[in-house]
Amino acid sequence: MQARKLAVLLVCLSGAAAAQDLMRSVEMPAHRALIAQRGTVPLTPFETDGCSGGLSTSWRWVADTFPQIGDLHEANPPWEECCVIHDRAYHNAGAALLPEDSYDARLSADQTLRACVKDHGDTHAEDYAQRYDMTPDQVRNVHALTADAMYGAVRFGGGPCSGLPWRWGFGYPGCSVFGDRTPARE
């Protein structure tokens, strides 16, 4: 029985490793394109929208529209500082100089975002439990679910050279995995 459990665990772990390898191979052309342009274009000044994808904007709209909700839940997502830290890493592509380092830095930034949101829930569980009439474990679970959803969203929608304003390396002009798309002059 123990051998079967070990075999299942090894298959699961190898499946996760294979998925990570696949993601790396799919994403690497964009990291190469981003790093190739880094030395030729200036980095823009840092700006942040808080939590991207409309999360902070929507949160503020709800808080402004329904003051009683804003009073209870604050005007910004309580973990917004985690998003700003994440945006700083995304802005300059983690200061990576090589495409492989860029990929690793992005993965690390996304994992750090997830951990930060979960940690926020752990740190504030008692206070939020009283404020929201929940148990501390419910607060932790909500933060863990939110952190996992945010992680999935940034892994899916935050790759370099996507043209999205929240992409990895957004402090550099857009890049393309198809090379320079400027027509040649004759």
N, C-alpha and C. Protein backbone atom coordinates (compact mmCIF):
# COMPACT_ATOMS: atom_id res chain seq x y z
N MET A 1 0.83 -1.20 0.00
CA MET A 1 0.00 0.00 0.00
C MET A 1 0.86 1.26 0.00
N GLN A 2 1.92 1.26 0.80
CA GLN A 2 2.81 2.42 0.86
C GLN A 2 3.45 2.67 -0.50
N ALA A 3 3.82 1.63 -1.21
CA ALA A 3 4.44 1.77 -2.53
C ALA A 3 3.47 2.43 -3.51
N ARG A 4 2.19 2.07 -3.41
CA ARG A 4 1.19 2.68 -4.29
C ARG A 4 1.07 4.17 -3.99
N LYS A 5 1.02 4.54 -2.73
CA LYS A 5 0.93 5.96 -2.35
C LYS A 5 2.15 6.73 -2.84
N LEU A 6 3.32 6.12 -2.70
CA LEU A 6 4.55 6.75 -3.17
C LEU A 6 4.51 6.92 -4.68
N ALA A 7 4.04 5.91 -5.39
CA ALA A 7 3.95 5.99 -6.85
C ALA A 7 3.01 7.11 -7.28
N VAL A 8 1.86 7.21 -6.61
CA VAL A 8 0.90 8.27 -6.94
C VAL A 8 1.52 9.64 -6.67
N LEU A 9 2.21 9.78 -5.55
CA LEU A 9 2.86 11.04 -5.23
C LEU A 9 3.90 11.40 -6.29
N LEU A 10 4.70 10.44 -6.71
CA LEU A 10 5.73 10.70 -7.73
C LEU A 10 5.11 11.09 -9.06
N VAL A 11 4.01 10.44 -9.43
CA VAL A 11 3.32 10.81 -10.68
C VAL A 11 2.79 12.23 -10.59
N CYS A 12 2.19 12.58 -9.46
CA CYS A 12 1.67 13.94 -9.29
C CYS A 12 2.79 14.97 -9.36
N LEU A 13 3.88 14.69 -8.67
CA LEU A 13 5.01 15.62 -8.68
C LEU A 13 5.62 15.74 -10.07
N SER A 14 5.75 14.63 -10.77
CA SER A 14 6.33 14.70 -12.11
C SER A 14 5.37 15.40 -13.06
N GLY A 15 4.07 15.25 -12.84
CA GLY A 15 3.10 15.97 -13.66
C GLY A 15 3.20 17.47 -13.45
N ALA A 16 3.38 17.90 -12.21
CA ALA A 16 3.55 19.33 -11.92
C ALA A 16 4.84 19.84 -12.54
N ALA A 17 5.90 19.06 -12.45
CA ALA A 17 7.17 19.46 -13.04
C ALA A 17 7.06 19.53 -14.56
N ALA A 18 6.36 18.59 -15.16
CA ALA A 18 6.17 18.60 -16.61
C ALA A 18 5.35 19.82 -17.03
N ALA A 19 4.33 20.14 -16.26
CA ALA A 19 3.51 21.32 -16.57
C ALA A 19 4.35 22.59 -16.48
N GLN A 20 5.20 22.67 -15.46
CA GLN A 20 6.07 23.84 -15.30
C GLN A 20 7.06 23.95 -16.47
N ASP A 21 7.60 22.80 -16.90
CA ASP A 21 8.51 22.79 -18.05
C ASP A 21 7.79 23.25 -19.32
N LEU A 22 6.55 22.81 -19.49
CA LEU A 22 5.77 23.22 -20.66
C LEU A 22 5.54 24.72 -20.63
N MET A 23 5.14 25.25 -19.48
CA MET A 23 4.92 26.70 -19.36
C MET A 23 6.19 27.48 -19.67
N ARG A 24 7.31 27.00 -19.16
CA ARG A 24 8.59 27.67 -19.41
C ARG A 24 8.87 27.70 -20.92
N SER A 25 8.69 26.58 -21.59
CA SER A 25 9.01 26.53 -23.03
C SER A 25 8.06 27.41 -23.84
N VAL A 26 6.80 27.50 -23.43
CA VAL A 26 5.84 28.35 -24.13
C VAL A 26 6.17 29.83 -23.93
N GLU A 27 6.60 30.18 -22.74
CA GLU A 27 6.82 31.58 -22.38
C GLU A 27 8.20 32.12 -22.78
N MET A 28 9.19 31.25 -22.95
CA MET A 28 10.56 31.71 -23.17
C MET A 28 10.75 32.60 -24.39
N PRO A 29 10.08 32.37 -25.54
CA PRO A 29 10.27 33.31 -26.66
C PRO A 29 9.93 34.76 -26.29
N ALA A 30 8.90 34.95 -25.47
CA ALA A 30 8.53 36.30 -25.05
C ALA A 30 9.59 36.88 -24.11
N HIS A 31 10.14 36.07 -23.23
CA HIS A 31 11.21 36.57 -22.35
C HIS A 31 12.44 36.94 -23.17
N ARG A 32 12.75 36.16 -24.20
CA ARG A 32 13.90 36.49 -25.06
C ARG A 32 13.66 37.82 -25.77
N ALA A 33 12.45 38.03 -26.28
CA ALA A 33 12.13 39.29 -26.97
C ALA A 33 12.21 40.48 -26.01
N LEU A 34 11.71 40.30 -24.80
CA LEU A 34 11.75 41.38 -23.80
C LEU A 34 13.19 41.73 -23.45
N ILE A 35 13.99 40.74 -23.13
CA ILE A 35 15.38 40.98 -22.73
C ILE A 35 16.18 41.57 -23.89
N ALA A 36 15.90 41.16 -25.11
CA ALA A 36 16.61 41.68 -26.28
C ALA A 36 16.41 43.18 -26.44
N GLN A 37 15.27 43.69 -26.08
CA GLN A 37 15.01 45.13 -26.24
C GLN A 37 15.45 45.96 -25.04
N ARG A 38 15.69 45.32 -23.89
CA ARG A 38 15.98 46.06 -22.65
C ARG A 38 17.10 47.07 -22.78
N GLY A 39 18.19 46.72 -23.40
CA GLY A 39 19.32 47.64 -23.48
C GLY A 39 19.14 48.75 -24.50
N THR A 40 18.09 48.65 -25.32
CA THR A 40 17.91 49.62 -26.39
C THR A 40 16.80 50.63 -26.13
N VAL A 41 16.01 50.42 -25.09
CA VAL A 41 14.90 51.32 -24.79
C VAL A 41 14.94 51.71 -23.32
N PRO A 42 14.50 52.93 -23.02
CA PRO A 42 14.51 53.35 -21.60
C PRO A 42 13.33 52.78 -20.82
N LEU A 43 13.55 52.60 -19.54
CA LEU A 43 12.51 52.17 -18.62
C LEU A 43 11.66 53.38 -18.26
N THR A 44 10.34 53.25 -18.34
CA THR A 44 9.45 54.35 -17.98
C THR A 44 9.41 54.50 -16.45
N PRO A 45 9.02 55.66 -15.94
CA PRO A 45 8.86 55.80 -14.49
C PRO A 45 7.81 54.82 -13.97
N PHE A 46 8.00 54.36 -12.75
CA PHE A 46 7.09 53.38 -12.16
C PHE A 46 5.73 54.00 -11.91
N GLU A 47 4.70 53.26 -12.26
CA GLU A 47 3.31 53.58 -11.94
C GLU A 47 2.64 52.28 -11.53
N THR A 48 1.59 52.40 -10.72
CA THR A 48 0.84 51.22 -10.33
C THR A 48 -0.65 51.52 -10.36
N ASP A 49 -1.43 50.51 -10.63
CA ASP A 49 -2.89 50.63 -10.55
C ASP A 49 -3.41 49.87 -9.33
N GLY A 50 -2.50 49.55 -8.41
CA GLY A 50 -2.89 48.75 -7.26
C GLY A 50 -2.96 47.30 -7.69
N CYS A 51 -4.09 46.69 -7.52
CA CYS A 51 -4.28 45.31 -7.99
C CYS A 51 -4.87 45.39 -9.39
N SER A 52 -4.16 44.84 -10.35
CA SER A 52 -4.51 44.95 -11.77
C SER A 52 -5.75 44.16 -12.13
N GLY A 53 -6.10 44.26 -13.40
CA GLY A 53 -7.25 43.53 -13.90
C GLY A 53 -8.57 44.11 -13.42
N GLY A 54 -8.54 45.32 -12.92
CA GLY A 54 -9.75 45.97 -12.44
C GLY A 54 -10.10 45.66 -10.99
N LEU A 55 -9.27 44.88 -10.30
CA LEU A 55 -9.60 44.49 -8.92
C LEU A 55 -9.66 45.71 -8.01
N SER A 56 -8.62 46.54 -8.00
CA SER A 56 -8.64 47.73 -7.13
C SER A 56 -9.69 48.73 -7.59
N THR A 57 -9.81 48.92 -8.89
CA THR A 57 -10.80 49.87 -9.42
C THR A 57 -12.22 49.44 -9.04
N SER A 58 -12.52 48.17 -9.20
CA SER A 58 -13.85 47.67 -8.84
C SER A 58 -14.09 47.78 -7.35
N TRP A 59 -13.08 47.46 -6.57
CA TRP A 59 -13.21 47.54 -5.11
C TRP A 59 -13.54 48.97 -4.70
N ARG A 60 -12.83 49.96 -5.28
CA ARG A 60 -13.09 51.37 -4.94
C ARG A 60 -14.49 51.80 -5.38
N TRP A 61 -14.92 51.33 -6.55
CA TRP A 61 -16.25 51.68 -7.03
C TRP A 61 -17.32 51.18 -6.06
N VAL A 62 -17.21 49.94 -5.64
CA VAL A 62 -18.18 49.38 -4.69
C VAL A 62 -18.14 50.17 -3.37
N ALA A 63 -16.92 50.46 -2.88
CA ALA A 63 -16.79 51.20 -1.62
C ALA A 63 -17.36 52.61 -1.73
N ASP A 64 -17.19 53.25 -2.89
CA ASP A 64 -17.73 54.61 -3.10
C ASP A 64 -19.25 54.58 -3.30
N THR A 65 -19.73 53.61 -4.02
CA THR A 65 -21.15 53.52 -4.34
C THR A 65 -21.99 53.13 -3.13
N PHE A 66 -21.43 52.27 -2.30
CA PHE A 66 -22.13 51.77 -1.12
C PHE A 66 -21.29 52.10 0.11
N PRO A 67 -21.45 53.31 0.67
CA PRO A 67 -20.59 53.74 1.77
C PRO A 67 -20.55 52.77 2.95
N GLN A 68 -21.64 52.09 3.24
CA GLN A 68 -21.64 51.15 4.36
C GLN A 68 -20.67 49.99 4.08
N ILE A 69 -20.55 49.59 2.83
CA ILE A 69 -19.58 48.56 2.47
C ILE A 69 -18.17 49.13 2.55
N GLY A 70 -18.01 50.35 2.07
CA GLY A 70 -16.70 51.01 2.15
C GLY A 70 -16.23 51.16 3.59
N ASP A 71 -17.15 51.50 4.48
CA ASP A 71 -16.79 51.63 5.89
C ASP A 71 -16.34 50.29 6.48
N LEU A 72 -17.02 49.24 6.08
CA LEU A 72 -16.70 47.92 6.62
C LEU A 72 -15.47 47.30 5.96
N HIS A 73 -15.35 47.45 4.65
CA HIS A 73 -14.31 46.75 3.90
C HIS A 73 -13.15 47.62 3.45
N GLU A 74 -13.14 48.88 3.77
CA GLU A 74 -12.08 49.81 3.39
C GLU A 74 -12.23 50.23 1.93
N ALA A 75 -11.52 51.29 1.55
CA ALA A 75 -11.64 51.85 0.21
C ALA A 75 -10.80 51.10 -0.82
N ASN A 76 -9.81 50.35 -0.38
CA ASN A 76 -8.94 49.59 -1.27
C ASN A 76 -8.87 48.14 -0.77
N PRO A 77 -8.55 47.22 -1.67
CA PRO A 77 -8.38 45.84 -1.19
C PRO A 77 -7.38 45.82 -0.03
N PRO A 78 -7.66 45.09 1.01
CA PRO A 78 -6.78 45.12 2.19
C PRO A 78 -5.38 44.60 1.90
N TRP A 79 -5.21 43.85 0.85
CA TRP A 79 -3.90 43.30 0.48
C TRP A 79 -3.27 44.07 -0.69
N GLU A 80 -3.75 45.29 -0.96
CA GLU A 80 -3.28 46.05 -2.12
C GLU A 80 -1.76 46.27 -2.11
N GLU A 81 -1.16 46.41 -0.94
CA GLU A 81 0.30 46.60 -0.89
C GLU A 81 1.02 45.41 -1.52
N CYS A 82 0.46 44.22 -1.39
CA CYS A 82 1.04 43.03 -2.03
C CYS A 82 1.07 43.23 -3.55
N CYS A 83 0.01 43.82 -4.09
CA CYS A 83 -0.07 44.07 -5.54
C CYS A 83 0.95 45.12 -5.98
N VAL A 84 1.15 46.14 -5.16
CA VAL A 84 2.12 47.19 -5.51
C VAL A 84 3.54 46.61 -5.52
N ILE A 85 3.85 45.77 -4.55
CA ILE A 85 5.15 45.10 -4.54
C ILE A 85 5.30 44.25 -5.80
N HIS A 86 4.25 43.54 -6.16
CA HIS A 86 4.23 42.72 -7.37
C HIS A 86 4.43 43.58 -8.61
N ASP A 87 3.75 44.73 -8.66
CA ASP A 87 3.90 45.64 -9.80
C ASP A 87 5.34 46.14 -9.93
N ARG A 88 6.02 46.38 -8.82
CA ARG A 88 7.41 46.84 -8.89
C ARG A 88 8.29 45.79 -9.57
N ALA A 89 8.09 44.53 -9.25
CA ALA A 89 8.86 43.46 -9.91
C ALA A 89 8.48 43.38 -11.39
N TYR A 90 7.20 43.51 -11.70
CA TYR A 90 6.75 43.41 -13.09
C TYR A 90 7.25 44.59 -13.92
N HIS A 91 7.33 45.77 -13.33
CA HIS A 91 7.70 46.97 -14.05
C HIS A 91 9.02 46.80 -14.79
N ASN A 92 10.05 46.35 -14.10
CA ASN A 92 11.37 46.27 -14.74
C ASN A 92 11.79 44.83 -15.02
N ALA A 93 10.81 43.94 -15.13
CA ALA A 93 11.08 42.52 -15.41
C ALA A 93 12.03 41.92 -14.39
N GLY A 94 11.85 42.31 -13.14
CA GLY A 94 12.66 41.74 -12.07
C GLY A 94 14.14 42.06 -12.20
N ALA A 95 14.48 43.07 -12.98
CA ALA A 95 15.87 43.47 -13.23
C ALA A 95 16.69 42.34 -13.86
N ALA A 96 16.01 41.41 -14.50
CA ALA A 96 16.69 40.27 -15.12
C ALA A 96 17.51 40.71 -16.33
N LEU A 97 18.62 40.03 -16.51
CA LEU A 97 19.49 40.31 -17.66
C LEU A 97 19.46 39.20 -18.70
N LEU A 98 18.97 38.04 -18.30
CA LEU A 98 18.89 36.89 -19.20
C LEU A 98 17.44 36.41 -19.27
N PRO A 99 17.02 35.87 -20.42
CA PRO A 99 15.63 35.39 -20.53
C PRO A 99 15.26 34.36 -19.46
N GLU A 100 16.16 33.44 -19.16
CA GLU A 100 15.89 32.42 -18.16
C GLU A 100 15.68 33.05 -16.78
N ASP A 101 16.49 34.06 -16.48
CA ASP A 101 16.34 34.77 -15.21
C ASP A 101 15.04 35.56 -15.17
N SER A 102 14.64 36.08 -16.31
CA SER A 102 13.37 36.81 -16.40
C SER A 102 12.20 35.87 -16.08
N TYR A 103 12.21 34.69 -16.67
CA TYR A 103 11.16 33.71 -16.39
C TYR A 103 11.13 33.37 -14.90
N ASP A 104 12.29 33.07 -14.35
CA ASP A 104 12.37 32.69 -12.93
C ASP A 104 11.93 33.85 -12.03
N ALA A 105 12.31 35.08 -12.39
CA ALA A 105 11.92 36.24 -11.58
C ALA A 105 10.41 36.46 -11.62
N ARG A 106 9.80 36.25 -12.78
CA ARG A 106 8.35 36.39 -12.88
C ARG A 106 7.65 35.34 -12.04
N LEU A 107 8.09 34.11 -12.14
CA LEU A 107 7.50 33.04 -11.34
C LEU A 107 7.64 33.36 -9.85
N SER A 108 8.81 33.84 -9.45
CA SER A 108 9.05 34.20 -8.05
C SER A 108 8.14 35.35 -7.62
N ALA A 109 8.00 36.37 -8.47
CA ALA A 109 7.13 37.50 -8.14
C ALA A 109 5.69 37.04 -7.96
N ASP A 110 5.23 36.14 -8.82
CA ASP A 110 3.86 35.65 -8.72
C ASP A 110 3.66 34.80 -7.47
N GLN A 111 4.64 33.99 -7.14
CA GLN A 111 4.57 33.18 -5.92
C GLN A 111 4.60 34.07 -4.68
N THR A 112 5.38 35.14 -4.74
CA THR A 112 5.46 36.09 -3.63
C THR A 112 4.14 36.82 -3.45
N LEU A 113 3.48 37.18 -4.54
CA LEU A 113 2.16 37.81 -4.46
C LEU A 113 1.18 36.87 -3.75
N ARG A 114 1.14 35.63 -4.17
CA ARG A 114 0.23 34.66 -3.56
C ARG A 114 0.52 34.52 -2.06
N ALA A 115 1.80 34.39 -1.72
CA ALA A 115 2.17 34.24 -0.30
C ALA A 115 1.81 35.49 0.50
N CYS A 116 2.00 36.67 -0.09
CA CYS A 116 1.72 37.92 0.61
C CYS A 116 0.23 38.04 0.95
N VAL A 117 -0.64 37.71 -0.01
CA VAL A 117 -2.08 37.79 0.23
C VAL A 117 -2.50 36.78 1.30
N LYS A 118 -1.96 35.57 1.22
CA LYS A 118 -2.25 34.56 2.25
C LYS A 118 -1.76 35.03 3.61
N ASP A 119 -0.53 35.56 3.66
CA ASP A 119 0.03 36.05 4.92
C ASP A 119 -0.80 37.18 5.50
N HIS A 120 -1.32 38.04 4.63
CA HIS A 120 -2.17 39.14 5.10
C HIS A 120 -3.39 38.57 5.82
N GLY A 121 -3.97 37.53 5.25
CA GLY A 121 -5.12 36.90 5.89
C GLY A 121 -4.76 36.28 7.23
N ASP A 122 -3.60 35.64 7.29
CA ASP A 122 -3.16 35.04 8.55
C ASP A 122 -2.92 36.12 9.61
N THR A 123 -2.26 37.19 9.21
CA THR A 123 -1.91 38.26 10.14
C THR A 123 -3.14 38.99 10.67
N HIS A 124 -4.16 39.15 9.83
CA HIS A 124 -5.34 39.94 10.20
C HIS A 124 -6.57 39.09 10.48
N ALA A 125 -6.42 37.79 10.61
CA ALA A 125 -7.57 36.90 10.75
C ALA A 125 -8.45 37.25 11.94
N GLU A 126 -7.86 37.54 13.07
CA GLU A 126 -8.66 37.83 14.28
C GLU A 126 -9.45 39.12 14.11
N ASP A 127 -8.77 40.19 13.65
CA ASP A 127 -9.43 41.48 13.45
C ASP A 127 -10.55 41.39 12.42
N TYR A 128 -10.26 40.79 11.25
CA TYR A 128 -11.26 40.68 10.20
C TYR A 128 -12.41 39.76 10.62
N ALA A 129 -12.12 38.75 11.41
CA ALA A 129 -13.19 37.85 11.87
C ALA A 129 -14.23 38.64 12.65
N GLN A 130 -13.79 39.54 13.52
CA GLN A 130 -14.73 40.37 14.28
C GLN A 130 -15.44 41.35 13.35
N ARG A 131 -14.68 41.97 12.46
CA ARG A 131 -15.24 42.98 11.58
C ARG A 131 -16.28 42.40 10.64
N TYR A 132 -16.03 41.21 10.11
CA TYR A 132 -16.89 40.61 9.10
C TYR A 132 -17.84 39.56 9.65
N ASP A 133 -17.84 39.37 10.98
CA ASP A 133 -18.68 38.35 11.61
C ASP A 133 -18.41 36.98 11.00
N MET A 134 -17.13 36.62 10.97
CA MET A 134 -16.66 35.34 10.45
C MET A 134 -15.74 34.72 11.49
N THR A 135 -15.36 33.49 11.28
CA THR A 135 -14.34 32.88 12.13
C THR A 135 -12.97 33.22 11.54
N PRO A 136 -11.92 33.20 12.35
CA PRO A 136 -10.57 33.43 11.81
C PRO A 136 -10.22 32.44 10.69
N ASP A 137 -10.65 31.18 10.83
CA ASP A 137 -10.36 30.20 9.77
C ASP A 137 -11.08 30.56 8.47
N GLN A 138 -12.29 31.09 8.57
CA GLN A 138 -12.99 31.53 7.36
C GLN A 138 -12.24 32.67 6.68
N VAL A 139 -11.72 33.60 7.48
CA VAL A 139 -10.94 34.71 6.92
C VAL A 139 -9.70 34.16 6.22
N ARG A 140 -9.02 33.24 6.87
CA ARG A 140 -7.82 32.64 6.27
C ARG A 140 -8.17 31.93 4.97
N ASN A 141 -9.27 31.21 4.97
CA ASN A 141 -9.69 30.48 3.76
C ASN A 141 -10.03 31.42 2.61
N VAL A 142 -10.73 32.51 2.93
CA VAL A 142 -11.06 33.49 1.88
C VAL A 142 -9.78 34.10 1.31
N HIS A 143 -8.85 34.44 2.17
CA HIS A 143 -7.58 34.99 1.68
C HIS A 143 -6.82 33.96 0.85
N ALA A 144 -6.82 32.71 1.29
CA ALA A 144 -6.12 31.66 0.53
C ALA A 144 -6.76 31.47 -0.85
N LEU A 145 -8.09 31.47 -0.92
CA LEU A 145 -8.78 31.34 -2.20
C LEU A 145 -8.49 32.55 -3.10
N THR A 146 -8.52 33.73 -2.50
CA THR A 146 -8.23 34.95 -3.26
C THR A 146 -6.79 34.91 -3.77
N ALA A 147 -5.86 34.51 -2.92
CA ALA A 147 -4.45 34.44 -3.30
C ALA A 147 -4.25 33.46 -4.45
N ASP A 148 -4.89 32.30 -4.38
CA ASP A 148 -4.76 31.32 -5.45
C ASP A 148 -5.38 31.83 -6.75
N ALA A 149 -6.51 32.51 -6.67
CA ALA A 149 -7.15 33.07 -7.86
C ALA A 149 -6.27 34.15 -8.48
N MET A 150 -5.70 35.01 -7.64
CA MET A 150 -4.81 36.06 -8.15
C MET A 150 -3.57 35.43 -8.80
N TYR A 151 -3.02 34.41 -8.18
CA TYR A 151 -1.86 33.72 -8.74
C TYR A 151 -2.20 33.15 -10.13
N GLY A 152 -3.33 32.48 -10.23
CA GLY A 152 -3.74 31.94 -11.52
C GLY A 152 -3.92 33.03 -12.57
N ALA A 153 -4.49 34.15 -12.16
CA ALA A 153 -4.72 35.25 -13.10
C ALA A 153 -3.40 35.86 -13.60
N VAL A 154 -2.46 36.08 -12.70
CA VAL A 154 -1.20 36.69 -13.14
C VAL A 154 -0.35 35.71 -13.94
N ARG A 155 -0.43 34.41 -13.62
CA ARG A 155 0.30 33.42 -14.41
C ARG A 155 -0.28 33.35 -15.82
N PHE A 156 -1.60 33.44 -15.92
CA PHE A 156 -2.26 33.35 -17.22
C PHE A 156 -2.14 34.64 -18.02
N GLY A 157 -2.36 35.78 -17.38
CA GLY A 157 -2.47 37.03 -18.12
C GLY A 157 -1.33 38.00 -17.96
N GLY A 158 -0.24 37.62 -17.31
CA GLY A 158 0.83 38.58 -17.05
C GLY A 158 2.11 38.36 -17.80
N GLY A 159 2.10 37.49 -18.80
CA GLY A 159 3.32 37.19 -19.53
C GLY A 159 3.88 38.39 -20.27
N PRO A 160 5.17 38.36 -20.58
CA PRO A 160 5.79 39.47 -21.31
C PRO A 160 5.30 39.53 -22.76
N CYS A 161 5.41 40.70 -23.34
CA CYS A 161 5.11 40.92 -24.76
C CYS A 161 3.67 40.64 -25.13
N SER A 162 2.76 40.74 -24.17
CA SER A 162 1.35 40.46 -24.44
C SER A 162 0.60 41.70 -24.93
N GLY A 163 1.18 42.88 -24.72
CA GLY A 163 0.49 44.11 -25.05
C GLY A 163 -0.43 44.60 -23.94
N LEU A 164 -0.62 43.80 -22.91
CA LEU A 164 -1.48 44.20 -21.80
C LEU A 164 -0.75 45.17 -20.88
N PRO A 165 -1.47 46.11 -20.28
CA PRO A 165 -0.79 47.09 -19.42
C PRO A 165 -0.21 46.49 -18.15
N TRP A 166 -0.61 45.29 -17.76
CA TRP A 166 -0.11 44.67 -16.54
C TRP A 166 0.88 43.53 -16.85
N ARG A 167 1.46 43.54 -18.05
CA ARG A 167 2.37 42.47 -18.47
C ARG A 167 3.71 42.55 -17.74
N TRP A 168 4.41 41.43 -17.70
CA TRP A 168 5.78 41.38 -17.19
C TRP A 168 6.63 42.31 -18.04
N GLY A 169 7.35 43.23 -17.38
CA GLY A 169 8.19 44.19 -18.10
C GLY A 169 7.39 45.37 -18.64
N PHE A 170 6.27 45.72 -17.98
CA PHE A 170 5.41 46.80 -18.51
C PHE A 170 6.10 48.16 -18.50
N GLY A 171 7.23 48.29 -17.84
CA GLY A 171 7.97 49.55 -17.86
C GLY A 171 8.77 49.76 -19.14
N TYR A 172 8.81 48.73 -19.97
CA TYR A 172 9.46 48.82 -21.28
C TYR A 172 8.38 48.85 -22.34
N PRO A 173 8.69 49.45 -23.51
CA PRO A 173 7.68 49.46 -24.57
C PRO A 173 7.30 48.03 -24.94
N GLY A 174 6.18 47.90 -25.59
CA GLY A 174 5.75 46.57 -26.00
C GLY A 174 6.78 45.87 -26.86
N CYS A 175 6.86 44.59 -26.72
CA CYS A 175 7.78 43.79 -27.53
C CYS A 175 6.96 42.74 -28.26
N SER A 176 7.57 42.08 -29.19
CA SER A 176 6.87 41.06 -29.96
C SER A 176 7.75 39.83 -30.09
N VAL A 177 7.15 38.68 -29.97
CA VAL A 177 7.89 37.43 -30.20
C VAL A 177 8.14 37.23 -31.69
N PHE A 178 7.54 38.06 -32.52
CA PHE A 178 7.70 37.96 -33.96
C PHE A 178 8.78 38.91 -34.48
N GLY A 179 9.54 39.51 -33.60
CA GLY A 179 10.61 40.42 -34.00
C GLY A 179 10.06 41.79 -34.33
N ASP A 180 10.89 42.60 -34.93
CA ASP A 180 10.50 43.96 -35.30
C ASP A 180 9.46 43.90 -36.39
N ARG A 181 8.29 44.48 -36.13
CA ARG A 181 7.22 44.47 -37.11
C ARG A 181 7.17 45.74 -37.93
N THR A 182 8.20 46.59 -37.80
CA THR A 182 8.26 47.80 -38.59
C THR A 182 8.63 47.44 -40.02
N PRO A 183 7.86 47.88 -41.00
CA PRO A 183 8.19 47.53 -42.39
C PRO A 183 9.55 48.12 -42.79
N ALA A 184 10.29 47.38 -43.55
CA ALA A 184 11.60 47.85 -44.03
C ALA A 184 11.40 48.97 -45.03
N ARG A 185 12.29 49.96 -44.97
CA ARG A 185 12.22 51.08 -45.94
C ARG A 185 13.02 50.69 -47.18
N GLU A 186 12.50 51.13 -48.28
CA GLU A 186 13.20 50.83 -49.55
C GLU A 186 13.87 52.07 -50.06
